[in-house]
């Protein structure tokens, strides 16, 4: 009898954890939608626009979509500084107080930069828990 009680408690504990994760995912999705309405589109740097913010529940990932002016950010220039750009984004995540709750829950962050005229992908950086610990 005692074994069944322990087993039942373990099952309830696991199920409550799953429910908590589902609630967290739903909240992240809702917050991404609110940020998207409030902040997008917005110029974040000269010739760089934040177009949209999305949350992917299946992979626990925020995605940030940007467009860049083709003439201001030629491909050869971007390739030269792509490692510096990645490190600056990583530091932004590491030092962000606003992202603390997401980081504690292992959320990934994906930054996608497209050229405005050609719509070709210029850069993409994904950061997981291992990157921002």
Protein backbone atom coordinates (compact mmCIF):
# COMPACT_ATOMS: atom_id res chain seq x y z
CA UNK A 1 0.00 0.00 0.00
CA UNK A 2 2.81 2.37 0.90
CA UNK A 3 4.49 1.69 -2.46
CA UNK A 4 1.33 2.63 -4.33
CA UNK A 5 1.06 5.85 -2.40
CA UNK A 6 4.69 6.77 -3.19
CA UNK A 7 4.16 5.85 -6.84
CA UNK A 8 0.98 7.94 -6.99
CA UNK A 9 2.77 10.92 -5.45
CA UNK A 10 5.62 10.57 -7.95
CA UNK A 11 3.18 10.49 -10.87
CA UNK A 12 1.35 13.56 -9.56
CA UNK A 13 4.66 15.38 -9.13
CA UNK A 14 5.70 14.62 -12.71
CA UNK A 15 2.30 15.64 -14.09
CA UNK A 16 2.33 18.91 -12.16
CA UNK A 17 5.77 19.65 -13.63
CA UNK A 18 4.42 19.06 -17.13
CA UNK A 19 1.50 21.38 -16.44
CA UNK A 20 3.83 24.06 -15.11
CA UNK A 21 5.95 23.80 -18.29
CA UNK A 22 2.82 24.11 -20.45
CA UNK A 23 1.74 27.19 -18.52
CA UNK A 24 5.22 28.69 -18.91
CA UNK A 25 5.15 28.05 -22.67
CA UNK A 26 1.72 29.63 -22.99
CA UNK A 27 2.88 32.67 -21.02
CA UNK A 28 6.00 33.02 -23.20
CA UNK A 29 3.87 32.87 -26.34
CA UNK A 30 1.49 35.50 -24.97
CA UNK A 31 4.39 37.77 -23.94
CA UNK A 32 6.00 37.43 -27.37
CA UNK A 33 2.74 38.44 -29.01
CA UNK A 34 2.44 41.46 -26.72
CA UNK A 35 6.04 42.52 -27.38
CA UNK A 36 5.49 42.05 -31.08
CA UNK A 37 2.48 44.40 -31.04
CA UNK A 38 4.21 46.96 -28.84
CA UNK A 39 7.73 46.99 -30.30
CA UNK A 40 7.52 45.94 -33.94
CA UNK A 41 8.44 47.25 -36.37
CA UNK A 42 11.14 49.35 -34.76
CA UNK A 43 14.50 50.65 -35.89
CA UNK A 44 17.14 49.27 -33.52
CA UNK A 45 20.18 50.61 -35.35
CA UNK A 46 20.86 52.58 -38.48
CA UNK A 47 19.36 50.53 -41.30
CA UNK A 48 18.31 47.64 -39.02
CA UNK A 49 14.64 47.04 -38.17
CA UNK A 50 13.21 44.61 -35.66
CA UNK A 51 10.30 43.23 -37.67
CA UNK A 52 8.77 40.62 -35.40
CA UNK A 53 9.16 38.50 -32.29
CA UNK A 54 7.78 34.97 -32.09
CA UNK A 55 7.84 32.19 -29.54
CA UNK A 56 7.99 28.58 -30.63
CA UNK A 57 6.36 26.42 -27.98
CA UNK A 58 7.59 23.15 -29.46
CA UNK A 59 11.25 24.11 -29.03
CA UNK A 60 10.98 26.72 -26.23
CA UNK A 61 12.58 29.36 -28.42
CA UNK A 62 12.15 33.07 -28.96
CA UNK A 63 12.82 34.17 -32.53
CA UNK A 64 13.68 37.73 -33.42
CA UNK A 65 13.38 38.70 -37.09
CA UNK A 66 15.32 41.70 -38.38
CA UNK A 67 15.75 43.31 -41.79
CA UNK A 68 18.89 45.13 -42.81
CA UNK A 69 19.50 47.70 -45.53
CA UNK A 70 21.43 45.93 -48.26
CA UNK A 71 23.51 48.99 -49.12
CA UNK A 72 24.56 49.72 -45.51
CA UNK A 73 25.47 46.13 -44.65
CA UNK A 74 27.16 44.40 -47.59
CA UNK A 75 27.72 40.66 -47.26
CA UNK A 76 31.52 40.94 -47.20
CA UNK A 77 31.38 43.45 -44.34
CA UNK A 78 28.97 41.35 -42.35
CA UNK A 79 31.07 38.22 -42.76
CA UNK A 80 34.09 40.12 -41.46
CA UNK A 81 32.30 41.01 -38.21
CA UNK A 82 29.94 38.06 -37.77
CA UNK A 83 31.84 36.67 -34.76
CA UNK A 84 31.81 40.06 -33.04
CA UNK A 85 28.08 40.39 -33.70
CA UNK A 86 27.48 36.93 -32.22
CA UNK A 87 29.49 37.74 -29.10
CA UNK A 88 27.66 41.05 -28.60
CA UNK A 89 24.28 39.30 -28.83
CA UNK A 90 25.44 36.58 -26.42
CA UNK A 91 26.59 39.19 -23.89
CA UNK A 92 23.24 40.96 -24.24
CA UNK A 93 21.45 37.74 -23.28
CA UNK A 94 23.85 36.94 -20.43
CA UNK A 95 23.49 40.41 -18.90
CA UNK A 96 19.75 40.86 -19.51
CA UNK A 97 17.65 41.10 -16.38
CA UNK A 98 14.45 41.02 -18.51
CA UNK A 99 15.40 37.58 -19.88
CA UNK A 100 16.24 36.08 -16.46
CA UNK A 101 13.05 34.03 -16.14
CA UNK A 102 13.45 32.67 -19.66
CA UNK A 103 17.09 31.77 -19.08
CA UNK A 104 16.23 29.98 -15.82
CA UNK A 105 13.80 27.82 -17.81
CA UNK A 106 16.29 26.99 -20.57
CA UNK A 107 14.65 29.02 -23.32
CA UNK A 108 16.65 29.39 -26.54
CA UNK A 109 16.98 32.65 -28.46
CA UNK A 110 17.30 32.81 -32.24
CA UNK A 111 18.21 36.01 -34.12
CA UNK A 112 17.53 36.04 -37.85
CA UNK A 113 18.70 38.91 -40.07
CA UNK A 114 17.38 39.27 -43.62
CA UNK A 115 18.32 41.76 -46.30
CA UNK A 116 15.47 44.17 -46.94
CA UNK A 117 15.56 44.16 -50.76
CA UNK A 118 16.52 40.59 -51.59
CA UNK A 119 14.97 38.94 -48.48
CA UNK A 120 18.05 36.68 -48.36
CA UNK A 121 19.28 35.55 -44.96
CA UNK A 122 22.30 37.61 -43.94
CA UNK A 123 22.91 36.17 -40.47
CA UNK A 124 21.39 33.77 -38.00
CA UNK A 125 22.48 33.15 -34.44
CA UNK A 126 20.93 30.70 -32.00
CA UNK A 127 21.77 30.74 -28.31
CA UNK A 128 20.89 27.90 -25.97
CA UNK A 129 21.36 27.48 -22.24
CA UNK A 130 24.94 26.31 -22.81
CA UNK A 131 25.72 29.64 -24.52
CA UNK A 132 24.40 31.97 -21.82
CA UNK A 133 25.22 30.12 -18.58
